[in-house]
PDB file of N, CA and C in Angstrom:
ATOM      1  N   MET A   1      82.181  87.298 112.029  1.00  0.00           N
ATOM      2  CA  MET A   1      81.648  87.364 110.683  1.00  0.00           C
ATOM      3  C   MET A   1      82.363  88.500 109.935  1.00  0.00           C
ATOM      4  N   LYS A   2      82.809  88.220 108.723  1.00  0.00           N
ATOM      5  CA  LYS A   2      83.522  89.221 107.934  1.00  0.00           C
ATOM      6  C   LYS A   2      82.550  90.162 107.236  1.00  0.00           C
ATOM      7  N   LYS A   3      82.967  91.426 107.100  1.00  0.00           N
ATOM      8  CA  LYS A   3      82.222  92.376 106.288  1.00  0.00           C
ATOM      9  C   LYS A   3      82.469  92.039 104.819  1.00  0.00           C
ATOM     10  N   PHE A   4      81.541  92.415 103.948  1.00  0.00           N
ATOM     11  CA  PHE A   4      81.694  92.121 102.525  1.00  0.00           C
ATOM     12  C   PHE A   4      82.984  92.729 101.974  1.00  0.00           C
ATOM     13  N   SER A   5      83.333  93.922 102.440  1.00  0.00           N
ATOM     14  CA  SER A   5      84.553  94.576 101.961  1.00  0.00           C
ATOM     15  C   SER A   5      85.809  93.775 102.281  1.00  0.00           C
ATOM     16  N   GLU A   6      85.729  92.897 103.257  1.00  0.00           N
ATOM     17  CA  GLU A   6      86.881  92.077 103.639  1.00  0.00           C
ATOM     18  C   GLU A   6      87.044  90.833 102.767  1.00  0.00           C
ATOM     19  N   VAL A   7      86.056  90.514 101.950  1.00  0.00           N
ATOM     20  CA  VAL A   7      86.154  89.339 101.092  1.00  0.00           C
ATOM     21  C   VAL A   7      86.252  89.690  99.612  1.00  0.00           C
ATOM     22  N   ILE A   8      86.397  90.976  99.308  1.00  0.00           N
ATOM     23  CA  ILE A   8      86.638  91.424  97.944  1.00  0.00           C
ATOM     24  C   ILE A   8      88.140  91.546  97.761  1.00  0.00           C
ATOM     25  N   TYR A   9      88.659  90.974  96.688  1.00  0.00           N
ATOM     26  CA  TYR A   9      90.094  91.000  96.439  1.00  0.00           C
ATOM     27  C   TYR A   9      90.457  92.213  95.595  1.00  0.00           C
ATOM     28  N   SER A  10      91.404  92.997  96.080  1.00  0.00           N
ATOM     29  CA  SER A  10      91.871  94.182  95.365  1.00  0.00           C
ATOM     30  C   SER A  10      93.343  94.018  95.047  1.00  0.00           C
ATOM     31  N   PRO A  11      93.901  94.869  94.197  1.00  0.00           N
ATOM     32  CA  PRO A  11      95.326  94.751  93.854  1.00  0.00           C
ATOM     33  C   PRO A  11      96.260  94.828  95.063  1.00  0.00           C
ATOM     34  N   GLU A  12      95.826  95.416  96.165  1.00  0.00           N
ATOM     35  CA  GLU A  12      96.688  95.574  97.340  1.00  0.00           C
ATOM     36  C   GLU A  12      96.680  94.373  98.285  1.00  0.00           C
ATOM     37  N   VAL A  13      95.805  93.414  98.083  1.00  0.00           N
ATOM     38  CA  VAL A  13      95.719  92.270  98.992  1.00  0.00           C
ATOM     39  C   VAL A  13      97.037  91.493  98.942  1.00  0.00           C
ATOM     40  N   GLU A  14      97.571  91.194 100.117  1.00  0.00           N
ATOM     41  CA  GLU A  14      98.879  90.544 100.211  1.00  0.00           C
ATOM     42  C   GLU A  14      98.803  89.060 100.556  1.00  0.00           C
ATOM     43  N   ASP A  15      97.632  88.494 100.618  1.00  0.00           N
ATOM     44  CA  ASP A  15      97.471  87.073 100.899  1.00  0.00           C
ATOM     45  C   ASP A  15      98.212  86.259  99.823  1.00  0.00           C
ATOM     46  N   LYS A  16      99.015  85.279 100.233  1.00  0.00           N
ATOM     47  CA  LYS A  16      99.843  84.516  99.282  1.00  0.00           C
ATOM     48  C   LYS A  16      99.021  83.815  98.209  1.00  0.00           C
ATOM     49  N   LEU A  17      97.898  83.246  98.575  1.00  0.00           N
ATOM     50  CA  LEU A  17      97.041  82.585  97.596  1.00  0.00           C
ATOM     51  C   LEU A  17      96.496  83.595  96.597  1.00  0.00           C
ATOM     52  N   VAL A  18      96.092  84.747  97.093  1.00  0.00           N
ATOM     53  CA  VAL A  18      95.520  85.787  96.238  1.00  0.00           C
ATOM     54  C   VAL A  18      96.586  86.340  95.291  1.00  0.00           C
ATOM     55  N   ILE A  19      97.811  86.537  95.777  1.00  0.00           N
ATOM     56  CA  ILE A  19      98.890  87.051  94.927  1.00  0.00           C
ATOM     57  C   ILE A  19      99.066  86.154  93.704  1.00  0.00           C
ATOM     58  N   SER A  20      98.973  84.855  93.880  1.00  0.00           N
ATOM     59  CA  SER A  20      99.159  83.929  92.760  1.00  0.00           C
ATOM     60  C   SER A  20      98.038  84.025  91.734  1.00  0.00           C
ATOM     61  N   LYS A  21      96.895  84.560  92.120  1.00  0.00           N
ATOM     62  CA  LYS A  21      95.751  84.666  91.221  1.00  0.00           C
ATOM     63  C   LYS A  21      95.514  86.104  90.725  1.00  0.00           C
ATOM     64  N   ARG A  22      96.231  87.049  91.276  1.00  0.00           N
ATOM     65  CA  ARG A  22      96.011  88.470  90.993  1.00  0.00           C
ATOM     66  C   ARG A  22      96.085  88.793  89.499  1.00  0.00           C
ATOM     67  N   GLU A  23      97.090  88.276  88.811  1.00  0.00           N
ATOM     68  CA  GLU A  23      97.328  88.650  87.416  1.00  0.00           C
ATOM     69  C   GLU A  23      96.156  88.310  86.498  1.00  0.00           C
ATOM     70  N   ASN A  24      95.554  87.136  86.679  1.00  0.00           N
ATOM     71  CA  ASN A  24      94.472  86.757  85.761  1.00  0.00           C
ATOM     72  C   ASN A  24      93.080  86.829  86.395  1.00  0.00           C
ATOM     73  N   HIS A  25      92.957  87.528  87.532  1.00  0.00           N
ATOM     74  CA  HIS A  25      91.640  87.720  88.145  1.00  0.00           C
ATOM     75  C   HIS A  25      91.278  89.199  88.333  1.00  0.00           C
ATOM     76  N   THR A  26      92.255  90.060  88.476  1.00  0.00           N
ATOM     77  CA  THR A  26      91.972  91.485  88.680  1.00  0.00           C
ATOM     78  C   THR A  26      91.426  92.087  87.393  1.00  0.00           C
ATOM     79  N   PRO A  27      90.251  92.689  87.445  1.00  0.00           N
ATOM     80  CA  PRO A  27      89.709  93.299  86.225  1.00  0.00           C
ATOM     81  C   PRO A  27      90.577  94.475  85.778  1.00  0.00           C
ATOM     82  N   ARG A  28      90.786  94.562  84.493  1.00  0.00           N
ATOM     83  CA  ARG A  28      91.539  95.670  83.909  1.00  0.00           C
ATOM     84  C   ARG A  28      90.535  96.726  83.459  1.00  0.00           C
ATOM     85  N   ILE A  29      90.917  97.987  83.602  1.00  0.00           N
ATOM     86  CA  ILE A  29      90.040  99.093  83.217  1.00  0.00           C
ATOM     87  C   ILE A  29      90.758  99.942  82.178  1.00  0.00           C
ATOM     88  N   GLU A  30      90.104 100.150  81.050  1.00  0.00           N
ATOM     89  CA  GLU A  30      90.604 101.077  80.040  1.00  0.00           C
ATOM     90  C   GLU A  30      89.628 102.246  79.985  1.00  0.00           C
ATOM     91  N   ALA A  31      90.111 103.421  80.382  1.00  0.00           N
ATOM     92  CA  ALA A  31      89.281 104.634  80.387  1.00  0.00           C
ATOM     93  C   ALA A  31      90.216 105.830  80.295  1.00  0.00           C
ATOM     94  N   PRO A  32      89.727 106.937  79.727  1.00  0.00           N
ATOM     95  CA  PRO A  32      90.562 108.129  79.694  1.00  0.00           C
ATOM     96  C   PRO A  32      90.806 108.654  81.103  1.00  0.00           C
ATOM     97  N   LYS A  33      91.951 109.273  81.324  1.00  0.00           N
ATOM     98  CA  LYS A  33      92.269 109.867  82.631  1.00  0.00           C
ATOM     99  C   LYS A  33      91.538 111.189  82.830  1.00  0.00           C
ATOM    100  N   GLU A  34      91.158 111.824  81.712  1.00  0.00           N
ATOM    101  CA  GLU A  34      90.510 113.137  81.763  1.00  0.00           C
ATOM    102  C   GLU A  34      89.383 113.160  80.740  1.00  0.00           C
ATOM    103  N   VAL A  35      88.207 113.651  81.154  1.00  0.00           N
ATOM    104  CA  VAL A  35      87.041 113.724  80.266  1.00  0.00           C
ATOM    105  C   VAL A  35      86.372 115.086  80.415  1.00  0.00           C
ATOM    106  N   LYS A  36      85.558 115.427  79.414  1.00  0.00           N
ATOM    107  CA  LYS A  36      84.787 116.670  79.476  1.00  0.00           C
ATOM    108  C   LYS A  36      83.465 116.412  80.187  1.00  0.00           C
ATOM    109  N   SER A  37      83.055 117.359  80.997  1.00  0.00           N
ATOM    110  CA  SER A  37      81.818 117.248  81.755  1.00  0.00           C
ATOM    111  C   SER A  37      80.630 116.996  80.828  1.00  0.00           C
ATOM    112  N   GLY A  38      79.849 115.963  81.137  1.00  0.00           N
ATOM    113  CA  GLY A  38      78.630 115.678  80.398  1.00  0.00           C
ATOM    114  C   GLY A  38      78.813 114.988  79.062  1.00  0.00           C
ATOM    115  N   GLU A  39      80.047 114.697  78.650  1.00  0.00           N
ATOM    116  CA  GLU A  39      80.285 114.011  77.381  1.00  0.00           C
ATOM    117  C   GLU A  39      80.528 112.527  77.620  1.00  0.00           C
ATOM    118  N   ALA A  40      79.840 111.688  76.855  1.00  0.00           N
ATOM    119  CA  ALA A  40      79.980 110.239  77.005  1.00  0.00           C
ATOM    120  C   ALA A  40      81.368 109.781  76.566  1.00  0.00           C
ATOM    121  N   PHE A  41      81.877 108.789  77.288  1.00  0.00           N
ATOM    122  CA  PHE A  41      83.170 108.196  76.946  1.00  0.00           C
ATOM    123  C   PHE A  41      83.107 106.699  77.283  1.00  0.00           C
ATOM    124  N   PRO A  42      83.941 105.885  76.625  1.00  0.00           N
ATOM    125  CA  PRO A  42      83.910 104.442  76.880  1.00  0.00           C
ATOM    126  C   PRO A  42      84.756 104.048  78.083  1.00  0.00           C
ATOM    127  N   VAL A  43      84.251 103.073  78.825  1.00  0.00           N
ATOM    128  CA  VAL A  43      85.006 102.426  79.887  1.00  0.00           C
ATOM    129  C   VAL A  43      84.954 100.929  79.590  1.00  0.00           C
ATOM    130  N   LYS A  44      86.107 100.371  79.273  1.00  0.00           N
ATOM    131  CA  LYS A  44      86.193  98.933  78.984  1.00  0.00           C
ATOM    132  C   LYS A  44      86.765  98.227  80.205  1.00  0.00           C
ATOM    133  N   VAL A  45      86.094  97.153  80.612  1.00  0.00           N
ATOM    134  CA  VAL A  45      86.552  96.324  81.726  1.00  0.00           C
ATOM    135  C   VAL A  45      86.707  94.911  81.186  1.00  0.00           C
ATOM    136  N   TYR A  46      87.867  94.303  81.458  1.00  0.00           N
ATOM    137  CA  TYR A  46      88.099  92.948  80.969  1.00  0.00           C
ATOM    138  C   TYR A  46      89.012  92.181  81.921  1.00  0.00           C
ATOM    139  N   ILE A  47      88.950  90.874  81.803  1.00  0.00           N
ATOM    140  CA  ILE A  47      89.807  89.991  82.572  1.00  0.00           C
ATOM    141  C   ILE A  47      90.704  89.293  81.564  1.00  0.00           C
ATOM    142  N   GLN A  48      92.009  89.355  81.813  1.00  0.00           N
ATOM    143  CA  GLN A  48      92.986  88.849  80.851  1.00  0.00           C
ATOM    144  C   GLN A  48      93.578  87.517  81.315  1.00  0.00           C
ATOM    145  N   GLY A  49      93.622  86.542  80.407  1.00  0.00           N
ATOM    146  CA  GLY A  49      94.294  85.289  80.676  1.00  0.00           C
ATOM    147  C   GLY A  49      93.590  84.354  81.651  1.00  0.00           C
ATOM    148  N   HIS A  50      92.284  84.472  81.749  1.00  0.00           N
ATOM    149  CA  HIS A  50      91.514  83.652  82.690  1.00  0.00           C
ATOM    150  C   HIS A  50      90.707  82.610  81.925  1.00  0.00           C
ATOM    151  N   PRO A  51      90.546  81.386  82.472  1.00  0.00           N
ATOM    152  CA  PRO A  51      89.695  80.392  81.805  1.00  0.00           C
ATOM    153  C   PRO A  51      88.266  80.917  81.610  1.00  0.00           C
ATOM    154  N   ASN A  52      87.610  80.400  80.596  1.00  0.00           N
ATOM    155  CA  ASN A  52      86.224  80.788  80.334  1.00  0.00           C
ATOM    156  C   ASN A  52      85.408  79.524  80.068  1.00  0.00           C
ATOM    157  N   THR A  53      85.395  78.650  81.073  1.00  0.00           N
ATOM    158  CA  THR A  53      84.663  77.388  80.965  1.00  0.00           C
ATOM    159  C   THR A  53      83.494  77.400  81.938  1.00  0.00           C
ATOM    160  N   VAL A  54      82.591  76.451  81.769  1.00  0.00           N
ATOM    161  CA  VAL A  54      81.464  76.339  82.691  1.00  0.00           C
ATOM    162  C   VAL A  54      81.986  76.106  84.110  1.00  0.00           C
ATOM    163  N   GLN A  55      83.067  75.341  84.235  1.00  0.00           N
ATOM    164  CA  GLN A  55      83.613  75.019  85.546  1.00  0.00           C
ATOM    165  C   GLN A  55      84.345  76.185  86.206  1.00  0.00           C
ATOM    166  N   HIS A  56      84.902  77.106  85.406  1.00  0.00           N
ATOM    167  CA  HIS A  56      85.721  78.195  85.950  1.00  0.00           C
ATOM    168  C   HIS A  56      85.679  79.391  85.006  1.00  0.00           C
ATOM    169  N   SER A  57      84.959  80.444  85.425  1.00  0.00           N
ATOM    170  CA  SER A  57      84.834  81.632  84.579  1.00  0.00           C
ATOM    171  C   SER A  57      84.307  82.808  85.386  1.00  0.00           C
ATOM    172  N   PHE A  58      84.409  83.981  84.782  1.00  0.00           N
ATOM    173  CA  PHE A  58      83.787  85.169  85.354  1.00  0.00           C
ATOM    174  C   PHE A  58      82.343  85.215  84.894  1.00  0.00           C
ATOM    175  N   ARG A  59      81.434  85.549  85.824  1.00  0.00           N
ATOM    176  CA  ARG A  59      80.006  85.510  85.529  1.00  0.00           C
ATOM    177  C   ARG A  59      79.376  86.892  85.384  1.00  0.00           C
ATOM    178  N   TRP A  60      80.011  87.918  85.995  1.00  0.00           N
ATOM    179  CA  TRP A  60      79.491  89.273  85.820  1.00  0.00           C
ATOM    180  C   TRP A  60      80.584  90.303  86.069  1.00  0.00           C
ATOM    181  N   ILE A  61      80.334  91.493  85.518  1.00  0.00           N
ATOM    182  CA  ILE A  61      81.186  92.673  85.733  1.00  0.00           C
ATOM    183  C   ILE A  61      80.262  93.810  86.135  1.00  0.00           C
ATOM    184  N   GLU A  62      80.618  94.537  87.193  1.00  0.00           N
ATOM    185  CA  GLU A  62      79.842  95.712  87.612  1.00  0.00           C
ATOM    186  C   GLU A  62      80.751  96.931  87.642  1.00  0.00           C
ATOM    187  N   LEU A  63      80.140  98.078  87.384  1.00  0.00           N
ATOM    188  CA  LEU A  63      80.862  99.344  87.373  1.00  0.00           C
ATOM    189  C   LEU A  63      80.172 100.320  88.319  1.00  0.00           C
ATOM    190  N   TYR A  64      80.981 100.984  89.157  1.00  0.00           N
ATOM    191  CA  TYR A  64      80.499 101.977  90.113  1.00  0.00           C
ATOM    192  C   TYR A  64      81.341 103.235  89.986  1.00  0.00           C
ATOM    193  N   PHE A  65      80.797 104.349  90.491  1.00  0.00           N
ATOM    194  CA  PHE A  65      81.525 105.613  90.461  1.00  0.00           C
ATOM    195  C   PHE A  65      81.456 106.278  91.832  1.00  0.00           C
ATOM    196  N   TYR A  66      82.625 106.648  92.353  1.00  0.00           N
ATOM    197  CA  TYR A  66      82.716 107.421  93.585  1.00  0.00           C
ATOM    198  C   TYR A  66      82.915 108.873  93.171  1.00  0.00           C
ATOM    199  N   GLU A  67      81.870 109.687  93.334  1.00  0.00           N
ATOM    200  CA  GLU A  67      81.899 111.086  92.903  1.00  0.00           C
ATOM    201  C   GLU A  67      82.433 111.972  94.026  1.00  0.00           C
ATOM    202  N   MET A  68      83.497 112.702  93.729  1.00  0.00           N
ATOM    203  CA  MET A  68      84.089 113.604  94.720  1.00  0.00           C
ATOM    204  C   MET A  68      83.061 114.655  95.153  1.00  0.00           C
ATOM    205  N   GLY A  69      82.949 114.864  96.459  1.00  0.00           N
ATOM    206  CA  GLY A  69      82.047 115.872  96.997  1.00  0.00           C
ATOM    207  C   GLY A  69      80.627 115.410  97.212  1.00  0.00           C
ATOM    208  N   ARG A  70      80.297 114.212  96.823  1.00  0.00           N
ATOM    209  CA  ARG A  70      78.936 113.680  96.989  1.00  0.00           C
ATOM    210  C   ARG A  70      78.813 113.059  98.377  1.00  0.00           C
ATOM    211  N   ASP A  71      77.682 113.267  99.024  1.00  0.00           N
ATOM    212  CA  ASP A  71      77.476 112.735 100.365  1.00  0.00           C
ATOM    213  C   ASP A  71      77.361 111.215 100.395  1.00  0.00           C
ATOM    214  N   PHE A  72      76.642 110.636  99.446  1.00  0.00           N
ATOM    215  CA  PHE A  72      76.414 109.191  99.463  1.00  0.00           C
ATOM    216  C   PHE A  72      77.022 108.561  98.215  1.00  0.00           C
ATOM    217  N   ASN A  73      77.974 107.677  98.419  1.00  0.00           N
ATOM    218  CA  ASN A  73      78.683 106.991  97.352  1.00  0.00           C
ATOM    219  C   ASN A  73      78.735 105.509  97.677  1.00  0.00           C
ATOM    220  N   PRO A  74      78.977 104.660  96.710  1.00  0.00           N
ATOM    221  CA  PRO A  74      79.202 104.930  95.298  1.00  0.00           C
ATOM    222  C   PRO A  74      77.890 104.946  94.515  1.00  0.00           C
ATOM    223  N   ILE A  75      77.992 105.370  93.262  1.00  0.00           N
ATOM    224  CA  ILE A  75      76.870 105.371  92.332  1.00  0.00           C
ATOM    225  C   ILE A  75      77.002 104.134  91.444  1.00  0.00           C
ATOM    226  N   PHE A  76      75.964 103.326  91.386  1.00  0.00           N
ATOM    227  CA  PHE A  76      75.958 102.168  90.490  1.00  0.00           C
ATOM    228  C   PHE A  76      75.833 102.659  89.058  1.00  0.00           C
ATOM    229  N   ILE A  77      76.694 102.174  88.162  1.00  0.00           N
ATOM    230  CA  ILE A  77      76.638 102.576  86.756  1.00  0.00           C
ATOM    231  C   ILE A  77      75.986 101.495  85.907  1.00  0.00           C
ATOM    232  N   ALA A  78      76.544 100.275  85.956  1.00  0.00           N
ATOM    233  CA  ALA A  78      76.019  99.230  85.073  1.00  0.00           C
ATOM    234  C   ALA A  78      76.533  97.865  85.491  1.00  0.00           C
ATOM    235  N   ARG A  79      75.877  96.839  84.927  1.00  0.00           N
ATOM    236  CA  ARG A  79      76.269  95.452  85.166  1.00  0.00           C
ATOM    237  C   ARG A  79      76.172  94.694  83.852  1.00  0.00           C
ATOM    238  N   ALA A  80      77.156  93.841  83.588  1.00  0.00           N
ATOM    239  CA  ALA A  80      77.125  92.951  82.427  1.00  0.00           C
ATOM    240  C   ALA A  80      77.149  91.521  82.926  1.00  0.00           C
ATOM    241  N   GLU A  81      76.172  90.742  82.493  1.00  0.00           N
ATOM    242  CA  GLU A  81      76.124  89.316  82.824  1.00  0.00           C
ATOM    243  C   GLU A  81      76.931  88.563  81.759  1.00  0.00           C
ATOM    244  N   LEU A  82      77.738  87.594  82.190  1.00  0.00           N
ATOM    245  CA  LEU A  82      78.593  86.848  81.275  1.00  0.00           C
ATOM    246  C   LEU A  82      78.212  85.379  81.284  1.00  0.00           C
ATOM    247  N   THR A  83      78.192  84.773  80.113  1.00  0.00           N
ATOM    248  CA  THR A  83      77.876  83.361  79.972  1.00  0.00           C
ATOM    249  C   THR A  83      79.149  82.610  79.603  1.00  0.00           C
ATOM    250  N   PRO A  84      79.538  81.613  80.415  1.00  0.00           N
ATOM    251  CA  PRO A  84      80.767  80.875  80.125  1.00  0.00           C
ATOM    252  C   PRO A  84      80.775  80.297  78.715  1.00  0.00           C
ATOM    253  N   GLU A  85      81.943  80.301  78.115  1.00  0.00           N
ATOM    254  CA  GLU A  85      82.226  79.736  76.800  1.00  0.00           C
ATOM    255  C   GLU A  85      81.587  80.514  75.651  1.00  0.00           C
ATOM    256  N   ILE A  86      80.572  81.324  75.897  1.00  0.00           N
ATOM    257  CA  ILE A  86      79.879  82.037  74.821  1.00  0.00           C
ATOM    258  C   ILE A  86      80.270  83.512  74.791  1.00  0.00           C
ATOM    259  N   SER A  87      80.155  84.187  75.929  1.00  0.00           N
ATOM    260  CA  SER A  87      80.507  85.612  75.961  1.00  0.00           C
ATOM    261  C   SER A  87      81.961  85.776  76.394  1.00  0.00           C
ATOM    262  N   GLU A  88      82.591  86.790  75.860  1.00  0.00           N
ATOM    263  CA  GLU A  88      83.949  87.124  76.286  1.00  0.00           C
ATOM    264  C   GLU A  88      83.888  87.725  77.685  1.00  0.00           C
ATOM    265  N   GLN A  89      84.984  87.646  78.414  1.00  0.00           N
ATOM    266  CA  GLN A  89      85.035  88.152  79.777  1.00  0.00           C
ATOM    267  C   GLN A  89      85.434  89.627  79.754  1.00  0.00           C
ATOM    268  N   GLU A  90      84.569  90.420  79.117  1.00  0.00           N
ATOM    269  CA  GLU A  90      84.795  91.865  79.017  1.00  0.00           C
ATOM    270  C   GLU A  90      83.472  92.572  78.752  1.00  0.00           C
ATOM    271  N   ALA A  91      83.467  93.861  79.049  1.00  0.00           N
ATOM    272  CA  ALA A  91      82.295  94.695  78.793  1.00  0.00           C
ATOM    273  C   ALA A  91      82.766  96.125  78.590  1.00  0.00           C
ATOM    274  N   THR A  92      82.089  96.831  77.689  1.00  0.00           N
ATOM    275  CA  THR A  92      82.370  98.246  77.477  1.00  0.00           C
ATOM    276  C   THR A  92      81.099  99.028  77.786  1.00  0.00           C
ATOM    277  N   PHE A  93      81.244 100.023  78.627  1.00  0.00           N
ATOM    278  CA  PHE A  93      80.125 100.863  79.046  1.00  0.00           C
ATOM    279  C   PHE A  93      80.371 102.287  78.557  1.00  0.00           C
ATOM    280  N   ARG A  94      79.310 102.998  78.201  1.00  0.00           N
ATOM    281  CA  ARG A  94      79.408 104.426  77.861  1.00  0.00           C
ATOM    282  C   ARG A  94      78.962 105.189  79.103  1.00  0.00           C
ATOM    283  N   VAL A  95      79.800 106.116  79.540  1.00  0.00           N
ATOM    284  CA  VAL A  95      79.587 106.800  80.818  1.00  0.00           C
ATOM    285  C   VAL A  95      79.646 108.312  80.604  1.00  0.00           C
ATOM    286  N   LYS A  96      78.804 109.052  81.338  1.00  0.00           N
ATOM    287  CA  LYS A  96      78.844 110.524  81.374  1.00  0.00           C
ATOM    288  C   LYS A  96      79.033 110.950  82.815  1.00  0.00           C
ATOM    289  N   LEU A  97      80.010 111.798  83.050  1.00  0.00           N
ATOM    290  CA  LEU A  97      80.263 112.301  84.395  1.00  0.00           C
ATOM    291  C   LEU A  97      80.241 113.819  84.402  1.00  0.00           C
ATOM    292  N   ASN A  98      79.843 114.389  85.537  1.00  0.00           N
ATOM    293  CA  ASN A  98      79.857 115.838  85.697  1.00  0.00           C
ATOM    294  C   ASN A  98      80.894 116.297  86.716  1.00  0.00           C
ATOM    295  N   LYS A  99      81.380 115.352  87.521  1.00  0.00           N
ATOM    296  CA  LYS A  99      82.387 115.667  88.530  1.00  0.00           C
ATOM    297  C   LYS A  99      83.474 114.601  88.507  1.00  0.00           C
ATOM    298  N   SER A 100      84.643 114.950  88.973  1.00  0.00           N
ATOM    299  CA  SER A 100      85.762 114.015  89.053  1.00  0.00           C
ATOM    300  C   SER A 100      85.487 112.963  90.118  1.00  0.00           C
ATOM    301  N   GLY A 101      86.180 111.830  89.991  1.00  0.00           N
ATOM    302  CA  GLY A 101      86.023 110.774  90.980  1.00  0.00           C
ATOM    303  C   GLY A 101      86.777 109.524  90.589  1.00  0.00           C
ATOM    304  N   ILE A 102      86.315 108.414  91.114  1.00  0.00           N
ATOM    305  CA  ILE A 102      86.987 107.131  90.912  1.00  0.00           C
ATOM    306  C   ILE A 102      86.000 106.117  90.351  1.00  0.00           C
ATOM    307  N   ILE A 103      86.387 105.483  89.244  1.00  0.00           N
ATOM    308  CA  ILE A 103      85.612 104.388  88.664  1.00  0.00           C
ATOM    309  C   ILE A 103      86.085 103.093  89.320  1.00  0.00           C
ATOM    310  N   TYR A 104      85.154 102.291  89.810  1.00  0.00           N
ATOM    311  CA  TYR A 104      85.449 100.986  90.398  1.00  0.00           C
ATOM    312  C   TYR A 104      84.849  99.902  89.518  1.00  0.00           C
ATOM    313  N   ALA A 105      85.637  98.883  89.230  1.00  0.00           N
ATOM    314  CA  ALA A 105      85.142  97.719  88.501  1.00  0.00           C
ATOM    315  C   ALA A 105      85.212  96.513  89.428  1.00  0.00           C
ATOM    316  N   PHE A 106      84.132  95.747  89.469  1.00  0.00           N
ATOM    317  CA  PHE A 106      84.073  94.502  90.227  1.00  0.00           C
ATOM    318  C   PHE A 106      83.748  93.383  89.246  1.00  0.00           C
ATOM    319  N   ALA A 107      84.388  92.236  89.434  1.00  0.00           N
ATOM    320  CA  ALA A 107      84.120  91.083  88.582  1.00  0.00           C
ATOM    321  C   ALA A 107      84.068  89.839  89.464  1.00  0.00           C
ATOM    322  N   TYR A 108      83.134  88.934  89.146  1.00  0.00           N
ATOM    323  CA  TYR A 108      82.919  87.743  89.970  1.00  0.00           C
ATOM    324  C   TYR A 108      83.372  86.479  89.249  1.00  0.00           C
ATOM    325  N   CYS A 109      84.372  85.807  89.826  1.00  0.00           N
ATOM    326  CA  CYS A 109      84.832  84.498  89.366  1.00  0.00           C
ATOM    327  C   CYS A 109      84.081  83.442  90.176  1.00  0.00           C
ATOM    328  N   ASN A 110      83.492  82.473  89.492  1.00  0.00           N
ATOM    329  CA  ASN A 110      82.677  81.486  90.207  1.00  0.00           C
ATOM    330  C   ASN A 110      83.481  80.613  91.171  1.00  0.00           C
ATOM    331  N   LEU A 111      84.813  80.555  91.036  1.00  0.00           N
ATOM    332  CA  LEU A 111      85.626  79.777  91.975  1.00  0.00           C
ATOM    333  C   LEU A 111      86.386  80.639  92.987  1.00  0.00           C
ATOM    334  N   HIS A 112      86.728  81.872  92.610  1.00  0.00           N
ATOM    335  CA  HIS A 112      87.643  82.667  93.440  1.00  0.00           C
ATOM    336  C   HIS A 112      87.063  83.996  93.914  1.00  0.00           C
ATOM    337  N   GLY A 113      85.755  84.172  93.798  1.00  0.00           N
ATOM    338  CA  GLY A 113      85.104  85.321  94.405  1.00  0.00           C
ATOM    339  C   GLY A 113      85.138  86.620  93.607  1.00  0.00           C
ATOM    340  N   VAL A 114      84.936  87.719  94.335  1.00  0.00           N
ATOM    341  CA  VAL A 114      84.807  89.051  93.730  1.00  0.00           C
ATOM    342  C   VAL A 114      86.160  89.762  93.761  1.00  0.00           C
ATOM    343  N   TRP A 115      86.513  90.315  92.611  1.00  0.00           N
ATOM    344  CA  TRP A 115      87.783  91.031  92.435  1.00  0.00           C
ATOM    345  C   TRP A 115      87.496  92.464  92.036  1.00  0.00           C
ATOM    346  N   GLU A 116      88.350  93.374  92.488  1.00  0.00           N
ATOM    347  CA  GLU A 116      88.113  94.814  92.299  1.00  0.00           C
ATOM    348  C   GLU A 116      89.355  95.496  91.751  1.00  0.00           C
ATOM    349  N   ASN A 117      89.099  96.525  90.946  1.00  0.00           N
ATOM    350  CA  ASN A 117      90.140  97.450  90.516  1.00  0.00           C
ATOM    351  C   ASN A 117      89.501  98.824  90.376  1.00  0.00           C
ATOM    352  N   ARG A 118      90.319  99.870  90.249  1.00  0.00           N
ATOM    353  CA  ARG A 118      89.782 101.227  90.176  1.00  0.00           C
ATOM    354  C   ARG A 118      90.728 102.145  89.412  1.00  0.00           C
ATOM    355  N   THR A 119      90.161 103.239  88.927  1.00  0.00           N
ATOM    356  CA  THR A 119      90.959 104.239  88.240  1.00  0.00           C
ATOM    357  C   THR A 119      90.320 105.608  88.467  1.00  0.00           C
ATOM    358  N   GLU A 120      91.151 106.595  88.594  1.00  0.00           N
ATOM    359  CA  GLU A 120      90.667 107.955  88.823  1.00  0.00           C
ATOM    360  C   GLU A 120      90.363 108.634  87.485  1.00  0.00           C
ATOM    361  N   ILE A 121      89.274 109.392  87.465  1.00  0.00           N
ATOM    362  CA  ILE A 121      88.859 110.138  86.274  1.00  0.00           C
ATOM    363  C   ILE A 121      88.732 111.611  86.664  1.00  0.00           C
ATOM    364  N   LYS A 122      89.396 112.473  85.909  1.00  0.00           N
ATOM    365  CA  LYS A 122      89.291 113.905  86.140  1.00  0.00           C
ATOM    366  C   LYS A 122      88.321 114.501  85.130  1.00  0.00           C
ATOM    367  N   VAL A 123      87.341 115.249  85.618  1.00  0.00           N
ATOM    368  CA  VAL A 123      86.369 115.912  84.744  1.00  0.00           C
ATOM    369  C   VAL A 123      86.765 117.379  84.611  1.00  0.00           C
ATOM    370  N   ILE A 124      86.847 117.829  83.357  1.00  0.00           N
ATOM    371  CA  ILE A 124      87.234 119.219  83.106  1.00  0.00           C
ATOM    372  C   ILE A 124      86.072 119.995  82.502  1.00  0.00           C
TER     373      ILE A 124
END
């Protein structure tokens, strides 16, 4: 039986089938590389060039934070539910951090599973 972490697709997965789907399934993250402690900033997560039909679409986006120095990670930040054909396959979250770490975005395609991407954020 596979662990859940083994069925999440990340940019590093080298499976030939996954490589062909990587470009339009990996969630993109737009966020500043450096933020001030305790100040809200936007994190936009979107999927580019993917169908948005009832038969084939992304259904949700989740955001997590791995805080450096914290004993138990990750921290759940938010979830956006997506409706095929009506909602765009993107979400913008306002986030406040007090310590540096890594933002993780997960997105679920109803045909091709859960896809992950991440970006490091430095808190000053």
